[in-house]
Amino acid sequence: MQMEACSTQCLASNNFFVSDIAWLACRVLLKMGQQFDQKNIRRRVYDALNVLMAMNIISKEKKEIRWIGLPTNTAQECQGLEVHTQLFNACHCGVSA
C-alpha cells in the first residue's frame, strides 16, 4: 500500500489520501461484517481532514495535502506527562524514575 509514502514524503494528493483511507475503513468494516455507505465514509474522511487543517497539523493546497506536524506545545505536553507519570510512579508505587 502507498500510505507509507505519504508519511515519509509529507505530501500526498488529496484524492489518493481520501481514497486510501476510505478503502482501509471499508476493508475493516467488511471484516467486522458491518454494512456501510462508501460515500458516507469518504465524507467522514474529509471531515477529519478539515479538523486537521483547522488544527494546523496538515495543509491543503489545490489537490495536495502536506503534513505540517503536531504543534510543539503538544509534543512538550506529552513529554511533560511522561515525566510526571514516572515521578508519580516513583513516589507512590516505589518504582524508580
Foldseek 3Di string as FASTA:
>chain_A
DCVVVCVVVQKDFQVVVLVVVLVVVVVVCVVVVHDDDSVVSSVVVVVVVVVCVVQVQWDDDDGMIGGPHHDPVVVVVVVVVVVVVQVCCCVPVVDHD
